[in-house]
Protein backbone atom coordinates (compact mmCIF):
# COMPACT_ATOMS: atom_id res chain seq x y z
CA GLY A 1 -57.12 -16.64 17.44
CA CYS A 2 -53.77 -15.56 16.84
CA CYS A 3 -52.39 -12.98 14.12
CA PHE A 4 -49.24 -10.86 13.62
CA LYS A 5 -49.58 -7.02 14.12
CA SER A 6 -48.08 -4.85 11.82
CA ALA A 7 -44.27 -4.58 11.79
CA GLU A 8 -42.36 -2.64 9.19
CA SER A 9 -40.13 -5.19 8.04
CA VAL A 10 -38.96 -8.50 9.24
CA GLU A 11 -36.15 -7.21 10.99
CA ALA A 12 -38.21 -4.77 13.08
CA PHE A 13 -40.74 -8.39 14.03
CA THR A 14 -40.20 -9.84 17.33
CA SER A 15 -42.30 -12.17 19.17
CA GLN A 16 -44.36 -9.29 20.92
CA ASP A 17 -45.76 -8.85 17.20
CA PHE A 18 -47.45 -12.10 17.33
CA LYS A 19 -50.01 -12.05 19.45
CA GLY A 20 -52.92 -14.93 20.27
CA SER A 21 -56.19 -15.34 22.15
CA ARG A 22 -56.47 -13.62 25.38
CA ASP A 23 -53.31 -11.67 24.08
CA GLN A 24 -51.11 -14.23 25.30
CA ILE A 25 -47.77 -14.00 23.50
CA TRP A 26 -46.84 -16.65 21.19
CA SER A 27 -43.10 -17.31 21.04
CA PRO A 28 -40.28 -20.12 20.63
CA ALA A 29 -40.35 -22.66 23.14
CA THR A 30 -36.65 -21.94 24.11
CA LYS A 31 -34.20 -19.11 23.64
CA GLY A 32 -32.67 -20.96 21.05
CA SER A 33 -35.53 -22.16 19.15
CA ALA A 34 -35.94 -21.24 15.48
CA GLY A 35 -39.33 -21.80 14.93
CA ILE A 36 -42.84 -21.24 16.45
CA ASP A 37 -44.78 -24.38 17.82
CA LEU A 38 -48.27 -24.74 16.31
CA PRO A 39 -50.63 -26.41 18.43
CA LEU A 40 -54.19 -27.55 16.87
CA ALA A 41 -57.11 -25.34 17.71
CA GLU A 42 -59.08 -28.21 17.84
CA ASP A 43 -59.28 -32.01 17.76
CA LEU A 44 -58.47 -33.80 14.64
CA GLU A 45 -58.98 -37.33 13.59
CA LEU A 46 -56.57 -39.29 10.92
CA GLY A 47 -58.94 -42.19 10.13
CA TYR A 48 -57.38 -43.47 6.90
CA PRO A 49 -53.76 -44.29 6.50
CA HIS A 50 -51.81 -42.05 4.22
CA VAL A 51 -54.62 -39.57 3.32
CA VAL A 52 -53.63 -35.97 3.71
CA CYS A 53 -55.95 -34.10 6.26
CA LEU A 54 -55.88 -30.56 7.29
CA GLY A 55 -55.66 -29.39 10.99
CA SER A 56 -56.48 -26.04 12.10
CA THR A 57 -54.05 -23.95 14.41
CA ASP A 58 -55.14 -20.36 16.39
CA PHE A 59 -52.65 -18.80 14.14
CA TYR A 60 -53.53 -16.48 11.27
CA GLY A 61 -51.57 -14.33 8.54
CA PRO A 62 -50.87 -11.60 7.64
CA LEU A 63 -46.87 -12.37 8.13
CA PRO A 64 -44.42 -9.10 8.10
CA PRO A 65 -43.70 -7.49 5.17
CA ALA A 66 -40.95 -8.93 3.01
CA SER A 67 -40.93 -12.22 5.18
CA VAL A 68 -42.41 -15.93 4.64
CA GLY A 69 -43.43 -18.63 7.03
CA LEU A 70 -42.16 -22.34 6.14
CA LEU A 71 -44.43 -24.72 7.65
CA LEU A 72 -42.23 -27.67 8.91
CA PRO A 73 -42.28 -30.94 11.15
CA ARG A 74 -41.41 -30.60 14.64
CA SER A 75 -38.68 -33.04 14.75
CA SER A 76 -40.60 -35.36 17.23
CA ALA A 77 -43.27 -35.73 14.66
CA HIS A 78 -41.78 -39.02 13.62
CA LYS A 79 -41.95 -40.36 16.94
CA ARG A 80 -45.58 -40.24 16.59
CA LYS A 81 -45.93 -41.43 13.17
CA LEU A 82 -47.13 -38.24 11.78
CA PHE A 83 -45.55 -36.66 8.50
CA VAL A 84 -46.37 -32.80 7.86
CA VAL A 85 -46.47 -31.76 4.60
CA PRO A 86 -44.08 -28.60 4.41
CA GLY A 87 -45.52 -25.45 3.15
CA VAL A 88 -44.86 -21.90 2.28
CA ILE A 89 -47.37 -19.39 4.32
CA ASP A 90 -46.95 -15.85 1.84
CA SER A 91 -46.70 -12.49 4.11
CA ASP A 92 -50.00 -11.43 2.31
CA TYR A 93 -52.33 -14.44 3.52
CA GLU A 94 -54.57 -12.95 6.29
CA GLY A 95 -56.29 -16.81 6.64
CA GLN A 96 -55.89 -19.38 9.32
CA ILE A 97 -52.72 -21.37 8.83
CA LYS A 98 -53.70 -24.66 8.36
CA ILE A 99 -51.61 -28.09 8.63
CA GLN A 100 -51.44 -30.65 6.37
CA VAL A 101 -50.90 -34.08 7.78
CA HIS A 102 -50.63 -37.70 7.44
CA SER A 103 -50.06 -40.98 9.35
CA PRO A 104 -49.44 -44.36 8.11
CA VAL A 105 -51.78 -45.78 11.22
CA PRO A 106 -54.96 -44.14 11.97
CA GLN A 107 -55.08 -42.04 15.01
CA SER A 108 -56.87 -39.11 16.90
CA LEU A 109 -54.93 -35.87 17.59
CA LYS A 110 -56.16 -33.57 20.20
CA LYS A 111 -56.66 -29.73 20.68
CA GLY A 112 -53.29 -28.50 21.68
CA ASP A 113 -51.04 -31.41 20.06
CA CYS A 114 -47.84 -29.72 18.55
CA PHE A 115 -45.84 -31.53 15.61
CA ALA A 116 -45.50 -28.86 13.41
CA GLN A 117 -43.66 -25.40 13.24
CA LEU A 118 -43.65 -22.08 11.60
CA LEU A 119 -40.33 -20.70 10.67
CA VAL A 120 -40.36 -16.96 9.87
CA LEU A 121 -37.81 -15.81 7.53
CA PRO A 122 -37.06 -12.90 5.26
CA TYR A 123 -37.03 -13.18 1.52
CA LEU A 124 -35.49 -12.16 -1.85
CA SER A 125 -37.96 -10.66 -3.90
CA LEU A 126 -37.88 -11.98 -7.28
CA GLY A 127 -39.96 -9.35 -9.33
CA GLU A 128 -43.31 -7.23 -8.26
CA SER A 129 -46.87 -8.14 -8.85
CA ASP A 130 -49.82 -5.75 -9.28
CA ARG A 131 -52.33 -8.69 -8.08
CA ILE A 132 -53.98 -9.07 -4.44
CA ARG A 133 -54.71 -12.09 -3.35
CA GLN A 134 -58.33 -13.39 -3.33
CA GLY A 135 -58.65 -16.51 -1.42
CA GLY A 136 -56.57 -18.93 0.97
CA PHE A 137 -55.50 -22.49 0.40
CA GLY A 138 -53.96 -22.62 -3.55
CA SER A 139 -55.71 -19.49 -4.48
CA THR A 140 -52.99 -18.29 -6.80
CA ASP A 141 -53.32 -21.36 -8.93
CA MET A 142 -55.55 -19.07 -11.00
CA PHE A 143 -52.93 -16.82 -11.69
CA THR A 144 -50.30 -19.14 -12.95
CA GLY A 145 -52.28 -22.40 -13.50
CA LYS A 146 -51.14 -25.51 -12.06
CA CYS A 147 -47.26 -25.73 -12.16
CA TYR A 148 -45.52 -28.98 -12.40
CA CYS A 149 -41.59 -29.58 -12.63
CA THR A 150 -40.06 -32.22 -14.30
CA PHE A 151 -36.06 -32.91 -14.18
CA PRO A 152 -34.16 -35.83 -16.68
CA THR A 153 -33.43 -38.85 -14.76
CA ASP A 154 -30.00 -38.34 -15.28
CA CYS A 155 -30.11 -35.12 -13.14
CA PHE A 156 -29.79 -37.43 -9.89
CA ALA A 157 -27.73 -40.01 -11.26
CA PRO A 158 -24.14 -40.37 -9.49
CA SER A 159 -21.46 -38.86 -10.91
CA ARG A 160 -18.41 -41.11 -11.36
């Protein structure tokens, strides 16, 4: 697997801090790429249309302190009719990074396929918590309960 080694801050973080199995360096695909491509760690079968499946990667947290990972689709994902559900990877998450994906057509994805990317950014802290993460995917639901947002329908009406 792959994980971040400790960095003092996201500003001090470089691709050298992100190592994978056999000590290869994981880095953006090109000099100007903002995100790190996330290849699948194993084959994944999308057997039913629009059913969200969870794909494993070889990437693990934690991220550098005061950073957040945005899990986003690569721009080429649509060519394969793949829809990546965007996600947030908190800096204290220490588990395997997984990709939520669905497709309108059944298809087989192979180990090494890249259709998602991780964009690591600094974030502004909005307060502090004493709570320590206990678990992975959806684990903070126990602290906050289920969160839903509603907006009045006129919020999105075009102005005249």
